[in-house]
Amino acid sequence: MADPRSHAMLKNTLEISFTPDMLVKFKTRASAEGLRPGELAKMETVVQVIDALERRSKIGPGNYALLKQMLMDIDAEKYVDDVKNAERAQGIFDEGCDGATGYVDGNQSTDTPLKSTDTPVRAQDKAQSSLQRQQPFDKDDAGVADQMLQWRTENSYNRGRGFVIIIRNFTKDRSGSEIDEQNLRKVFGKTGLKYFMRKESVHDVSKEQLLEKLTSLRTYIQQREEDEEDEFCSLFVFISSHGDKDGIKSIKNEIVSFDEITSIFNGENMPSMIAKPKVFLFQACRGTQFGRGVSVDRDDGYVPTDEADPPHSSQHRQGNTEPLPSLSLKSIPINADMLLAHATSDGTKAWRNEEEGSWFINELCDTIKKWHDKLHLLEILTKVNGLVAERSSSDEGAKQMPQQVSTLTKNFFL
């Protein structure tokens, strides 16, 4: 009997993996299966397209022949293995897709004819070698999909109310940073997420003022918990500023290192947040170099964009920082359960647009709105990495690559 849970995992895997260009190709291919242009135009995800095909009984648990063919037709053959994994989890063994004739539930399958250049392989040998490659989905362990889903759910932080603070420096000469703040407030205040958003933001502060403010916020959070007024399950600190190779810049151009910021909230200094996720997002440059791009030749439809900036808008570069040293996870250290998400990689500039805000925060907010109820935060940030990587500035085609440093010990669902 087909297992709908492994089917849901398959759709989730494809959703995470698909690039925007692949989605366009997949929708075009789906139009040949009877989906109307007006219907397709409203679909923003590959799961929506698959669901529409399911309603027409063209795709579904135990019925993947069309899906595999569609993936091959859009040059995404490598994802056919994910479909096969789902089939194995459902007790279906079909090795006919890449050559030899296979069997599905005892019926002969002819998804793809044997190519003239292929060397005939005994079906039992082919099935055995394939199962050896795909041990997690061995037919003798059909419950592995259940185990993976259970691990994904149970190995997660408790969901509940989080605390959010936004700090924005150099407000007068960093046009577009106010758009970032507006977007963050909309996402964490109006998307159904349970977050306590500080009504006032912190603007244009010196190093002393910044560290004092963060320390007072720590005291405020702990006091609320001690008084049993509130319990916060997570913490978000957004800092938008100039920077350089040594850290974030204060309004007086003093350098505030990442360690000075994060140590305020570590397990030793803030016991109430032990074993709870603490996320620090830094929208700032980390050097003076332009991010460089390279030509790619991939089979998944990804093509780097040469995206110009919107009309009448200018690009602004921001400050710079050194990455934190690698953090040991051999035991539970005082800086466990932290995530540092940088807008750009070490040594390079971050980009901001006067009308849209920064590339990183713009893509982050859009992705959270779409995926906060399906993906955990590191998966969301991986999507953001891909979206930002596709952008190019009008200034010598400069690129930007976000980077994360994580000591999270569980999946963090917003």
Protein backbone atom coordinates (compact mmCIF):
# COMPACT_ATOMS: atom_id res chain seq x y z
CA MET A 1 0.00 0.00 0.00
CA ALA A 2 1.37 3.42 -0.96
CA ASP A 3 2.65 5.51 1.94
CA PRO A 4 1.41 9.13 1.76
CA ARG A 5 4.05 10.25 4.26
CA SER A 6 6.95 9.38 2.00
CA HIS A 7 5.05 11.14 -0.79
CA ALA A 8 4.90 14.29 1.33
CA MET A 9 8.64 14.03 2.00
CA LEU A 10 9.28 13.74 -1.74
CA LYS A 11 7.33 16.90 -2.46
CA ASN A 12 9.16 18.73 0.31
CA THR A 13 12.53 17.61 -1.09
CA LEU A 14 11.68 18.85 -4.57
CA GLU A 15 10.39 22.13 -3.18
CA ILE A 16 13.64 22.78 -1.33
CA SER A 17 15.77 21.83 -4.35
CA PHE A 18 13.93 23.58 -7.17
CA THR A 19 15.33 26.89 -8.42
CA PRO A 20 13.03 29.56 -9.92
CA ASP A 21 14.20 28.63 -13.43
CA MET A 22 13.42 24.97 -12.83
CA LEU A 23 9.94 25.89 -11.63
CA VAL A 24 9.29 27.81 -14.85
CA LYS A 25 10.35 24.81 -16.93
CA PHE A 26 8.28 22.44 -14.80
CA LYS A 27 5.17 24.60 -15.18
CA THR A 28 5.70 24.76 -18.95
CA ARG A 29 6.00 20.98 -19.07
CA ALA A 30 2.87 20.63 -16.89
CA SER A 31 0.85 22.62 -19.42
CA ALA A 32 1.21 19.64 -21.76
CA GLU A 33 -0.63 17.54 -19.16
CA GLY A 34 -3.78 19.64 -19.26
CA LEU A 35 -3.06 22.38 -16.71
CA ARG A 36 -4.48 25.66 -17.98
CA PRO A 37 -2.22 28.75 -18.39
CA GLY A 38 -4.40 30.80 -16.05
CA GLU A 39 -4.21 28.07 -13.43
CA LEU A 40 -0.45 27.73 -13.77
CA ALA A 41 0.09 31.49 -13.52
CA LYS A 42 -1.24 31.42 -9.95
CA MET A 43 1.12 28.64 -8.85
CA GLU A 44 4.25 29.80 -7.04
CA THR A 45 5.71 26.46 -5.95
CA VAL A 46 6.42 23.07 -7.47
CA VAL A 47 4.21 21.48 -4.81
CA GLN A 48 1.22 23.44 -6.11
CA VAL A 49 1.88 22.11 -9.61
CA ILE A 50 2.24 18.54 -8.34
CA ASP A 51 -0.95 18.88 -6.28
CA ALA A 52 -2.84 20.02 -9.38
CA LEU A 53 -1.58 16.98 -11.27
CA GLU A 54 -2.58 14.77 -8.34
CA ARG A 55 -6.13 16.09 -8.54
CA ARG A 56 -6.14 14.89 -12.14
CA SER A 57 -4.84 11.47 -10.98
CA LYS A 58 -1.68 11.90 -13.05
CA ILE A 59 0.74 11.84 -10.10
CA GLY A 60 0.43 10.42 -6.61
CA PRO A 61 1.75 7.84 -4.15
CA GLY A 62 2.65 4.75 -6.16
CA ASN A 63 2.10 6.61 -9.44
CA TYR A 64 5.32 8.41 -10.35
CA ALA A 65 5.93 7.49 -14.00
CA LEU A 66 4.83 10.92 -15.26
CA LEU A 67 6.75 12.80 -12.57
CA LYS A 68 9.99 11.02 -13.46
CA GLN A 69 9.44 11.73 -17.14
CA MET A 70 8.72 15.41 -16.45
CA LEU A 71 11.92 15.74 -14.40
CA MET A 72 13.93 14.24 -17.24
CA ASP A 73 12.21 16.48 -19.76
CA ILE A 74 13.36 19.62 -17.90
CA ASP A 75 16.94 18.30 -17.54
CA ALA A 76 16.51 17.54 -13.83
CA GLU A 77 17.33 13.84 -14.01
CA LYS A 78 19.23 13.88 -10.73
CA TYR A 79 15.95 14.34 -8.85
CA VAL A 80 14.62 11.09 -10.30
CA ASP A 81 16.64 9.38 -7.55
CA ASP A 82 14.50 11.20 -4.98
CA VAL A 83 11.39 9.81 -6.67
CA LYS A 84 12.90 6.31 -6.56
CA ASN A 85 13.64 6.77 -2.86
CA ALA A 86 9.95 7.50 -2.28
CA GLU A 87 9.02 4.41 -4.30
CA ARG A 88 11.31 2.25 -2.20
CA ALA A 89 9.84 3.66 1.00
CA GLN A 90 6.45 2.63 -0.38
CA GLY A 91 7.65 -0.88 -1.21
CA ILE A 92 7.78 -0.13 -4.95
CA PHE A 93 10.84 -1.20 -6.91
CA ASP A 94 11.09 0.20 -10.42
CA GLU A 95 14.47 0.16 -12.12
CA GLY A 96 13.12 0.70 -15.61
CA CYS A 97 13.52 4.47 -15.67
CA ASP A 98 17.18 4.42 -16.64
CA GLY A 99 17.27 1.47 -18.99
CA ALA A 100 16.24 -2.07 -18.11
CA THR A 101 12.63 -3.09 -17.79
CA GLY A 102 11.44 -3.14 -14.18
CA TYR A 103 8.39 -4.16 -12.23
CA VAL A 104 6.02 -2.09 -10.15
CA ASP A 105 3.79 -3.98 -7.73
CA GLY A 106 4.22 -7.08 -9.91
CA ASN A 107 3.25 -5.35 -13.19
CA GLN A 108 5.74 -4.82 -15.97
CA SER A 109 6.84 -1.21 -16.35
CA THR A 110 8.00 0.35 -19.61
CA ASP A 111 8.67 3.92 -18.54
CA THR A 112 11.80 4.14 -20.67
CA PRO A 113 12.83 1.66 -23.40
CA LEU A 114 16.25 0.06 -23.32
CA LYS A 115 18.71 2.31 -25.16
CA SER A 116 20.69 0.72 -27.96
CA THR A 117 23.95 1.78 -26.33
CA ASP A 118 23.04 0.29 -22.94
CA THR A 119 24.57 -2.96 -21.78
CA PRO A 120 21.88 -5.44 -20.69
CA VAL A 121 21.90 -6.04 -16.95
CA ARG A 122 20.10 -8.80 -15.09
CA ALA A 123 17.11 -7.28 -13.28
CA GLN A 124 18.02 -8.91 -9.97
CA ASP A 125 21.62 -7.62 -10.17
CA LYS A 126 20.42 -4.13 -11.03
CA ALA A 127 17.93 -4.07 -8.18
CA GLN A 128 20.52 -5.36 -5.71
CA SER A 129 23.14 -2.76 -6.66
CA SER A 130 20.56 -0.01 -6.48
CA LEU A 131 19.42 -1.04 -3.02
CA GLN A 132 23.03 -1.07 -1.86
CA ARG A 133 23.33 2.55 -3.01
CA GLN A 134 20.11 3.51 -1.27
CA GLN A 135 20.46 1.79 2.09
CA PRO A 136 18.28 4.31 4.00
CA PHE A 137 15.31 3.17 1.90
CA ASP A 138 15.90 -0.57 1.90
CA LYS A 139 12.67 -2.53 1.34
CA ASP A 140 13.32 -4.36 4.61
CA ASP A 141 13.15 -1.04 6.44
CA ALA A 142 10.02 0.51 4.97
CA GLY A 143 9.46 2.46 8.19
CA VAL A 144 12.50 4.64 7.61
CA ALA A 145 10.34 7.42 6.16
CA ASP A 146 8.32 7.39 9.37
CA GLN A 147 11.54 7.52 11.37
CA MET A 148 12.84 10.48 9.39
CA LEU A 149 9.59 12.38 9.83
CA GLN A 150 9.57 11.56 13.51
CA TRP A 151 13.19 12.71 13.89
CA ARG A 152 12.44 15.93 12.02
CA THR A 153 9.56 16.67 14.39
CA GLU A 154 11.00 15.47 17.68
CA ASN A 155 14.50 16.81 17.11
CA SER A 156 13.19 20.37 17.06
CA TYR A 157 13.15 23.23 19.53
CA ASN A 158 9.87 23.94 21.26
CA ARG A 159 7.78 26.35 19.25
CA GLY A 160 6.38 29.36 21.05
CA ARG A 161 6.71 33.06 21.55
CA GLY A 162 10.02 34.61 20.54
CA PHE A 163 11.62 37.95 21.33
CA VAL A 164 12.74 40.25 18.49
CA ILE A 165 14.91 43.36 18.63
CA ILE A 166 16.03 45.49 15.65
CA ILE A 167 19.12 47.70 15.77
CA ARG A 168 19.82 50.04 12.86
CA ASN A 169 22.81 52.37 12.70
CA PHE A 170 23.73 55.12 10.24
CA THR A 171 20.08 55.71 9.41
CA LYS A 172 20.76 58.99 7.59
CA ASP A 173 23.27 57.70 5.04
CA ARG A 174 22.00 54.13 4.57
CA SER A 175 18.87 54.71 2.49
CA GLY A 176 16.86 51.53 2.13
CA SER A 177 17.70 50.21 5.60
CA GLU A 178 14.34 51.54 6.78
CA ILE A 179 12.71 49.23 4.20
CA ASP A 180 14.52 46.30 5.83
CA GLU A 181 13.07 47.26 9.20
CA GLN A 182 9.57 47.59 7.76
CA ASN A 183 9.85 44.17 6.10
CA LEU A 184 11.09 42.53 9.30
CA ARG A 185 8.24 44.04 11.30
CA LYS A 186 5.69 42.81 8.78
CA VAL A 187 7.10 39.28 8.77
CA PHE A 188 7.45 38.83 12.52
CA GLY A 189 4.40 40.87 13.42
CA LYS A 190 1.81 40.01 10.79
CA THR A 191 2.43 36.54 9.38
CA GLY A 192 0.95 34.62 12.28
CA LEU A 193 4.32 34.02 13.89
CA LYS A 194 4.22 34.27 17.67
CA TYR A 195 6.88 36.89 18.33
CA PHE A 196 7.17 39.72 20.81
CA MET A 197 8.35 42.63 18.70
CA ARG A 198 9.86 45.52 20.62
CA LYS A 199 7.81 48.57 19.70
CA GLU A 200 10.87 50.79 19.60
CA SER A 201 13.93 50.00 17.55
CA VAL A 202 17.44 51.00 18.54
CA HIS A 203 18.87 53.58 16.14
CA ASP A 204 22.25 55.27 15.77
CA VAL A 205 23.99 54.13 18.95
CA SER A 206 27.59 54.16 20.11
CA LYS A 207 29.38 50.98 21.11
CA GLU A 208 28.73 51.63 24.79
CA GLN A 209 25.06 52.37 24.14
CA LEU A 210 24.67 49.26 22.00
CA LEU A 211 26.17 46.90 24.55
CA GLU A 212 24.23 48.55 27.37
CA LYS A 213 20.97 48.21 25.41
CA LEU A 214 21.56 44.53 24.67
CA THR A 215 22.45 43.89 28.30
CA SER A 216 19.28 45.65 29.50
CA LEU A 217 17.21 43.56 27.07
CA ARG A 218 18.75 40.40 28.50
CA THR A 219 17.80 41.55 31.99
CA TYR A 220 14.28 42.42 30.81
CA ILE A 221 13.73 38.98 29.28
CA GLN A 222 15.05 37.13 32.33
CA GLN A 223 12.99 39.28 34.70
CA ARG A 224 9.78 38.56 32.80
CA GLU A 225 10.46 34.84 33.06
CA GLU A 226 11.34 35.03 36.74
CA ASP A 227 8.10 36.92 37.40
CA GLU A 228 6.26 34.28 35.32
CA GLU A 229 4.88 37.05 33.13
CA ASP A 230 6.23 35.50 29.98
CA GLU A 231 8.43 32.73 28.68
CA PHE A 232 10.30 33.26 25.46
CA CYS A 233 11.24 30.22 23.39
CA SER A 234 13.68 32.01 21.08
CA LEU A 235 15.55 35.25 20.50
CA PHE A 236 16.20 37.24 17.33
CA VAL A 237 18.67 40.12 17.20
CA PHE A 238 18.82 42.02 13.88
CA ILE A 239 21.69 44.46 13.44
CA SER A 240 21.96 46.62 10.33
CA SER A 241 24.99 48.85 10.07
CA HIS A 242 28.28 49.63 8.39
CA GLY A 243 31.17 47.35 9.23
CA ASP A 244 34.68 46.30 8.35
CA LYS A 245 36.96 43.31 8.76
CA ASP A 246 36.90 43.60 12.55
CA GLY A 247 33.17 43.83 13.24
CA ILE A 248 30.05 45.97 13.25
CA LYS A 249 30.51 49.76 13.37
CA SER A 250 28.79 51.96 15.91
CA ILE A 251 27.56 55.44 14.99
CA LYS A 252 30.94 56.71 16.24
CA ASN A 253 32.77 54.25 13.97
CA GLU A 254 33.80 52.12 16.94
CA ILE A 255 34.09 48.41 16.21
CA VAL A 256 31.80 46.01 18.06
CA SER A 257 32.89 42.42 17.56
CA PHE A 258 30.42 39.60 17.04
CA ASP A 259 31.68 37.89 20.18
CA GLU A 260 30.94 40.99 22.26
CA ILE A 261 27.34 40.87 20.99
CA THR A 262 26.63 37.15 21.21
CA SER A 263 28.36 36.57 24.55
CA ILE A 264 25.74 38.75 26.25
CA PHE A 265 23.19 36.04 25.50
CA ASN A 266 25.23 32.87 26.01
CA GLY A 267 24.26 30.15 28.46
CA GLU A 268 26.53 31.47 31.19
CA ASN A 269 25.21 35.03 31.06
CA MET A 270 21.58 34.21 30.25
CA PRO A 271 20.49 30.96 31.93
CA SER A 272 16.84 31.46 30.95
CA MET A 273 17.77 30.92 27.27
CA ILE A 274 19.85 27.76 27.74
CA ALA A 275 18.90 25.14 25.10
CA LYS A 276 16.80 27.73 23.25
CA PRO A 277 17.66 29.11 19.80
CA LYS A 278 19.30 32.52 19.67
CA VAL A 279 19.60 34.02 16.18
CA PHE A 280 21.75 36.99 15.20
CA LEU A 281 21.33 38.48 11.73
CA PHE A 282 23.95 40.95 10.56
CA GLN A 283 23.19 43.13 7.55
CA ALA A 284 26.63 44.62 7.03
CA CYS A 285 29.69 44.28 4.85
CA ARG A 286 32.54 42.07 5.97
CA GLY A 287 35.27 43.55 3.81
CA THR A 288 36.02 45.86 0.92
CA GLN A 289 36.15 43.31 -1.89
CA PHE A 290 33.44 42.85 -4.49
CA GLY A 291 31.92 39.37 -4.48
CA ARG A 292 33.04 37.59 -7.65
CA GLY A 293 31.05 35.26 -9.86
CA VAL A 294 32.02 32.29 -12.04
CA SER A 295 30.37 30.73 -15.06
CA VAL A 296 28.44 27.57 -14.29
CA ASP A 297 27.38 24.61 -16.39
CA ARG A 298 24.69 22.77 -14.47
CA ASP A 299 21.90 20.42 -15.38
CA ASP A 300 19.21 21.82 -13.07
CA GLY A 301 18.26 24.90 -15.05
CA TYR A 302 20.21 27.34 -12.85
CA VAL A 303 21.54 30.33 -14.77
CA PRO A 304 23.20 33.30 -13.03
CA THR A 305 21.19 36.45 -13.63
CA ASP A 306 22.62 39.73 -14.81
CA GLU A 307 20.10 41.73 -12.84
CA ALA A 308 20.24 45.49 -13.09
CA ASP A 309 19.11 47.66 -10.22
CA PRO A 310 15.60 49.13 -10.32
CA PRO A 311 15.31 52.47 -12.16
CA HIS A 312 16.30 55.56 -10.17
CA SER A 313 17.81 53.56 -7.36
CA SER A 314 21.42 53.34 -6.27
CA GLN A 315 23.50 50.62 -4.67
CA HIS A 316 24.98 51.14 -1.22
CA ARG A 317 27.68 49.03 0.32
CA GLN A 318 27.88 48.38 4.01
CA GLY A 319 30.48 47.48 6.54
CA ASN A 320 32.66 44.41 7.26
CA THR A 321 33.49 41.72 9.85
CA GLU A 322 35.67 38.73 10.70
CA PRO A 323 33.82 35.42 11.09
CA LEU A 324 33.66 33.86 14.51
CA PRO A 325 36.08 30.99 15.11
CA SER A 326 34.75 27.47 14.74
CA LEU A 327 32.71 26.42 17.74
CA SER A 328 33.20 23.01 19.33
CA LEU A 329 30.11 20.83 19.74
CA LYS A 330 31.78 17.97 21.66
CA SER A 331 29.68 18.94 24.69
CA ILE A 332 27.06 21.55 25.43
CA PRO A 333 29.13 24.75 25.54
CA ILE A 334 28.01 28.12 26.78
CA ASN A 335 27.59 29.31 23.19
CA ALA A 336 25.45 26.38 22.02
CA ASP A 337 22.13 26.92 20.26
CA MET A 338 23.22 30.04 18.41
CA LEU A 339 22.95 30.96 14.76
CA LEU A 340 24.85 33.84 13.17
CA ALA A 341 23.48 34.72 9.75
CA HIS A 342 25.65 37.13 7.79
CA ALA A 343 24.40 39.01 4.76
CA THR A 344 27.65 38.28 2.95
CA SER A 345 30.81 36.17 3.09
CA ASP A 346 34.01 37.10 4.86
CA GLY A 347 35.93 39.88 3.16
CA THR A 348 33.18 41.04 0.79
CA LYS A 349 30.61 43.80 0.50
CA ALA A 350 26.87 43.54 1.15
CA TRP A 351 24.42 45.29 -1.16
CA ARG A 352 21.41 47.44 -0.43
CA ASN A 353 18.86 49.08 -2.69
CA GLU A 354 17.15 52.37 -1.86
CA GLU A 355 13.72 51.16 -2.97
CA GLU A 356 13.75 47.46 -2.01
CA GLY A 357 16.09 47.38 0.97
CA SER A 358 19.06 45.04 1.22
CA TRP A 359 19.29 41.94 -0.95
CA PHE A 360 19.65 39.65 2.06
CA ILE A 361 16.80 40.97 4.23
CA ASN A 362 14.51 41.32 1.20
CA GLU A 363 14.94 37.66 0.22
CA LEU A 364 14.88 36.50 3.85
CA CYS A 365 11.52 38.13 4.57
CA ASP A 366 9.94 36.85 1.35
CA THR A 367 11.18 33.31 2.02
CA ILE A 368 10.00 33.30 5.63
CA LYS A 369 6.53 34.41 4.54
CA LYS A 370 6.32 31.54 2.05
CA TRP A 371 8.00 28.77 4.02
CA HIS A 372 7.87 29.42 7.78
CA ASP A 373 5.21 26.71 8.26
CA LYS A 374 7.06 24.08 6.21
CA LEU A 375 10.84 24.52 6.59
CA HIS A 376 13.11 25.03 9.56
CA LEU A 377 15.29 28.14 9.69
CA LEU A 378 18.48 26.66 8.25
CA GLU A 379 16.49 25.34 5.28
CA ILE A 380 14.98 28.79 4.83
CA LEU A 381 18.43 30.38 4.92
CA THR A 382 19.68 27.86 2.36
CA LYS A 383 16.93 29.03 0.02
CA VAL A 384 17.93 32.63 0.74
CA ASN A 385 21.54 31.77 -0.13
CA GLY A 386 20.43 30.58 -3.55
CA LEU A 387 18.21 33.59 -4.22
CA VAL A 388 20.85 36.14 -3.23
CA ALA A 389 23.50 34.25 -5.21
CA GLU A 390 21.46 34.79 -8.38
CA ARG A 391 21.60 38.56 -8.02
CA SER A 392 24.25 40.76 -9.62
CA SER A 393 24.90 44.43 -9.03
CA SER A 394 25.29 46.97 -11.80
CA ASP A 395 28.70 47.82 -10.38
CA GLU A 396 31.02 45.46 -12.30
CA GLY A 397 28.50 42.64 -11.90
CA ALA A 398 29.45 42.15 -8.25
CA LYS A 399 27.94 39.18 -6.42
CA GLN A 400 26.97 38.49 -2.81
CA MET A 401 27.00 35.21 -0.91
CA PRO A 402 25.33 35.05 2.52
CA GLN A 403 26.99 32.87 5.12
CA GLN A 404 25.85 31.21 8.34
CA VAL A 405 27.71 30.01 11.43
CA SER A 406 25.54 27.65 13.46
CA THR A 407 25.75 25.89 16.80
CA LEU A 408 22.06 25.00 16.75
CA THR A 409 21.53 21.54 18.17
CA LYS A 410 17.99 20.99 16.84
CA ASN A 411 15.76 22.02 13.96
CA PHE A 412 14.35 25.51 14.53
CA PHE A 413 10.86 25.97 13.10
CA LEU A 414 9.59 29.54 13.37
